[in-house]
């Protein structure tokens, strides 16, 4: 199986979005976590940033379909 080319720029951008989302999502105390869950508007943007970050990271880490097909044909 041929490996795909690693895209460092996309990986770093996705990681930055994910870390930024976690920074705003993780509270200082457990009580703040409960308050954040009750107040749904407080966690929307951090979760949205996490989703965008993961949407960028996951395709970078997975092999492309065309390369996977080529690797399967060469067996």
N, C-alpha and C. Protein backbone atom coordinates (compact mmCIF):
# COMPACT_ATOMS: atom_id res chain seq x y z
N UNK A 1 0.84 -1.18 0.00
CA UNK A 1 0.00 0.00 0.00
C UNK A 1 0.88 1.24 0.00
N UNK A 2 0.63 2.12 -0.93
CA UNK A 2 1.37 3.36 -1.02
C UNK A 2 0.80 4.37 -0.03
N UNK A 3 1.67 5.07 0.65
CA UNK A 3 1.19 6.10 1.58
C UNK A 3 0.96 7.39 0.83
N UNK A 4 0.06 8.18 1.35
CA UNK A 4 -0.24 9.47 0.73
C UNK A 4 0.71 10.54 1.25
N UNK A 5 0.77 11.63 0.50
CA UNK A 5 1.63 12.74 0.89
C UNK A 5 1.00 13.46 2.08
N UNK A 6 1.80 13.70 3.11
CA UNK A 6 1.33 14.39 4.31
C UNK A 6 1.25 15.89 4.03
N UNK A 7 0.09 16.48 4.30
CA UNK A 7 -0.11 17.92 4.10
C UNK A 7 0.01 18.61 5.45
N UNK A 8 1.19 19.14 5.73
CA UNK A 8 1.47 19.74 7.03
C UNK A 8 0.66 21.00 7.28
N UNK A 9 0.42 21.79 6.26
CA UNK A 9 -0.32 23.05 6.43
C UNK A 9 -1.76 22.75 6.87
N UNK A 10 -2.40 21.81 6.22
CA UNK A 10 -3.77 21.46 6.59
C UNK A 10 -3.81 20.83 7.98
N UNK A 11 -2.83 20.01 8.28
CA UNK A 11 -2.79 19.37 9.59
C UNK A 11 -2.63 20.42 10.69
N UNK A 12 -1.73 21.37 10.51
CA UNK A 12 -1.51 22.41 11.52
C UNK A 12 -2.73 23.31 11.65
N UNK A 13 -3.37 23.65 10.54
CA UNK A 13 -4.57 24.48 10.60
C UNK A 13 -5.69 23.75 11.35
N UNK A 14 -5.89 22.48 11.05
CA UNK A 14 -6.91 21.70 11.75
C UNK A 14 -6.61 21.55 13.22
N UNK A 15 -5.35 21.33 13.54
CA UNK A 15 -4.94 21.21 14.94
C UNK A 15 -5.16 22.53 15.67
N UNK A 16 -4.87 23.64 15.03
CA UNK A 16 -5.08 24.96 15.65
C UNK A 16 -6.56 25.19 15.94
N UNK A 17 -7.44 24.86 14.98
CA UNK A 17 -8.87 25.02 15.21
C UNK A 17 -9.34 24.12 16.36
N UNK A 18 -8.87 22.89 16.39
CA UNK A 18 -9.28 21.97 17.45
C UNK A 18 -8.80 22.45 18.82
N UNK A 19 -7.55 22.91 18.91
CA UNK A 19 -7.02 23.39 20.19
C UNK A 19 -7.75 24.66 20.62
N UNK A 20 -8.02 25.55 19.68
CA UNK A 20 -8.75 26.77 20.00
C UNK A 20 -10.14 26.45 20.54
N UNK A 21 -10.80 25.48 19.94
CA UNK A 21 -12.11 25.06 20.43
C UNK A 21 -12.03 24.48 21.83
N UNK A 22 -11.01 23.66 22.08
CA UNK A 22 -10.85 23.07 23.41
C UNK A 22 -10.54 24.12 24.48
N UNK A 23 -9.75 25.12 24.12
CA UNK A 23 -9.42 26.18 25.08
C UNK A 23 -10.69 26.87 25.57
N UNK A 24 -11.61 27.14 24.65
CA UNK A 24 -12.84 27.81 25.05
C UNK A 24 -13.88 26.86 25.64
N UNK A 25 -13.75 25.57 25.37
CA UNK A 25 -14.74 24.61 25.84
C UNK A 25 -14.45 24.10 27.25
N UNK A 26 -13.19 23.92 27.59
CA UNK A 26 -12.81 23.34 28.89
C UNK A 26 -12.94 24.42 29.98
N UNK A 27 -13.75 24.17 31.00
CA UNK A 27 -13.94 25.15 32.07
C UNK A 27 -12.86 25.05 33.14
N UNK A 28 -12.85 26.05 34.03
CA UNK A 28 -11.89 26.05 35.14
C UNK A 28 -12.33 25.10 36.26
N UNK A 29 -13.63 25.00 36.51
CA UNK A 29 -14.14 24.15 37.59
C UNK A 29 -15.27 23.28 37.05
N UNK A 30 -15.57 22.17 37.75
CA UNK A 30 -16.70 21.33 37.32
C UNK A 30 -18.04 22.07 37.32
N UNK A 31 -18.22 23.00 38.27
CA UNK A 31 -19.47 23.77 38.30
C UNK A 31 -19.63 24.59 37.03
N UNK A 32 -18.54 25.13 36.52
CA UNK A 32 -18.60 25.90 35.27
C UNK A 32 -18.99 25.01 34.10
N UNK A 33 -18.57 23.74 34.13
CA UNK A 33 -18.97 22.81 33.08
C UNK A 33 -20.47 22.59 33.09
N UNK A 34 -21.04 22.43 34.28
CA UNK A 34 -22.50 22.25 34.40
C UNK A 34 -23.22 23.50 33.92
N UNK A 35 -22.72 24.68 34.32
CA UNK A 35 -23.33 25.93 33.86
C UNK A 35 -23.24 26.08 32.34
N UNK A 36 -22.13 25.66 31.77
CA UNK A 36 -21.95 25.76 30.32
C UNK A 36 -22.91 24.83 29.59
N UNK A 37 -23.15 23.64 30.14
CA UNK A 37 -24.08 22.71 29.51
C UNK A 37 -25.52 23.22 29.59
N UNK A 38 -25.84 23.89 30.70
CA UNK A 38 -27.19 24.44 30.85
C UNK A 38 -27.38 25.61 29.89
N UNK A 39 -26.36 26.43 29.77
CA UNK A 39 -26.43 27.59 28.87
C UNK A 39 -25.89 27.15 27.51
N UNK A 40 -26.76 26.69 26.63
CA UNK A 40 -26.34 26.09 25.36
C UNK A 40 -25.58 27.06 24.46
N UNK A 41 -25.83 28.33 24.54
CA UNK A 41 -25.14 29.30 23.69
C UNK A 41 -23.66 29.41 24.02
N UNK A 42 -23.27 29.05 25.22
CA UNK A 42 -21.88 29.17 25.64
C UNK A 42 -20.97 28.13 25.03
N UNK A 43 -21.49 27.02 24.61
CA UNK A 43 -20.62 25.97 24.06
C UNK A 43 -20.77 25.79 22.56
N UNK A 44 -21.64 26.53 21.92
CA UNK A 44 -21.86 26.34 20.49
C UNK A 44 -20.61 26.63 19.66
N UNK A 45 -20.00 27.81 19.85
CA UNK A 45 -18.85 28.17 19.02
C UNK A 45 -17.63 27.31 19.27
N UNK A 46 -17.30 26.95 20.53
CA UNK A 46 -16.17 26.03 20.71
C UNK A 46 -16.39 24.68 20.04
N UNK A 47 -17.61 24.16 20.12
CA UNK A 47 -17.90 22.88 19.46
C UNK A 47 -17.82 23.04 17.95
N UNK A 48 -18.30 24.17 17.44
CA UNK A 48 -18.21 24.41 16.00
C UNK A 48 -16.75 24.47 15.55
N UNK A 49 -15.89 25.11 16.34
CA UNK A 49 -14.46 25.16 16.02
C UNK A 49 -13.83 23.76 16.05
N UNK A 50 -14.23 22.94 17.03
CA UNK A 50 -13.72 21.56 17.09
C UNK A 50 -14.13 20.78 15.85
N UNK A 51 -15.37 20.93 15.42
CA UNK A 51 -15.85 20.21 14.26
C UNK A 51 -15.09 20.64 13.01
N UNK A 52 -14.87 21.95 12.87
CA UNK A 52 -14.10 22.44 11.71
C UNK A 52 -12.67 21.89 11.76
N UNK A 53 -12.07 21.91 12.94
CA UNK A 53 -10.72 21.38 13.08
C UNK A 53 -10.63 19.91 12.73
N UNK A 54 -11.57 19.12 13.20
CA UNK A 54 -11.58 17.70 12.88
C UNK A 54 -11.87 17.46 11.41
N UNK A 55 -12.71 18.30 10.83
CA UNK A 55 -13.02 18.15 9.40
C UNK A 55 -11.79 18.42 8.54
N UNK A 56 -10.86 19.20 9.05
CA UNK A 56 -9.63 19.46 8.31
C UNK A 56 -8.60 18.36 8.58
N UNK A 57 -8.52 17.88 9.82
CA UNK A 57 -7.50 16.90 10.21
C UNK A 57 -7.79 15.52 9.61
N UNK A 58 -9.02 15.05 9.70
CA UNK A 58 -9.35 13.68 9.30
C UNK A 58 -9.00 13.39 7.84
N UNK A 59 -9.38 14.22 6.88
CA UNK A 59 -9.00 13.92 5.49
C UNK A 59 -7.49 13.92 5.26
N UNK A 60 -6.77 14.71 6.03
CA UNK A 60 -5.31 14.76 5.87
C UNK A 60 -4.70 13.43 6.32
N UNK A 61 -5.25 12.83 7.36
CA UNK A 61 -4.69 11.61 7.91
C UNK A 61 -5.10 10.35 7.14
N UNK A 62 -6.23 10.40 6.44
CA UNK A 62 -6.72 9.23 5.70
C UNK A 62 -6.12 9.21 4.29
N UNK A 63 -5.82 8.01 3.77
CA UNK A 63 -5.30 7.95 2.40
C UNK A 63 -6.38 8.32 1.39
N UNK A 64 -5.96 8.87 0.28
CA UNK A 64 -6.90 9.24 -0.77
C UNK A 64 -7.43 7.98 -1.45
N UNK A 65 -8.67 8.01 -1.91
CA UNK A 65 -9.31 6.85 -2.53
C UNK A 65 -8.57 6.43 -3.79
N UNK A 66 -8.13 7.37 -4.60
CA UNK A 66 -7.45 7.04 -5.85
C UNK A 66 -6.16 6.29 -5.58
N UNK A 67 -5.42 6.72 -4.56
CA UNK A 67 -4.17 6.05 -4.23
C UNK A 67 -4.44 4.66 -3.65
N UNK A 68 -5.52 4.52 -2.89
CA UNK A 68 -5.87 3.23 -2.32
C UNK A 68 -6.27 2.26 -3.44
N UNK A 69 -6.98 2.76 -4.45
CA UNK A 69 -7.39 1.91 -5.57
C UNK A 69 -6.17 1.47 -6.38
N UNK A 70 -5.25 2.40 -6.62
CA UNK A 70 -4.03 2.06 -7.35
C UNK A 70 -3.20 1.03 -6.59
N UNK A 71 -3.13 1.17 -5.28
CA UNK A 71 -2.37 0.23 -4.48
C UNK A 71 -3.02 -1.16 -4.50
N UNK A 72 -4.35 -1.20 -4.55
CA UNK A 72 -5.07 -2.46 -4.61
C UNK A 72 -4.93 -3.14 -5.96
N UNK A 73 -4.82 -2.38 -7.05
CA UNK A 73 -4.68 -2.94 -8.39
C UNK A 73 -3.30 -3.54 -8.63
N UNK A 74 -2.29 -3.07 -7.91
CA UNK A 74 -0.93 -3.52 -8.17
C UNK A 74 -0.60 -4.85 -7.49
N UNK A 75 -1.52 -5.39 -6.69
CA UNK A 75 -1.24 -6.67 -6.01
C UNK A 75 -1.28 -7.83 -6.95
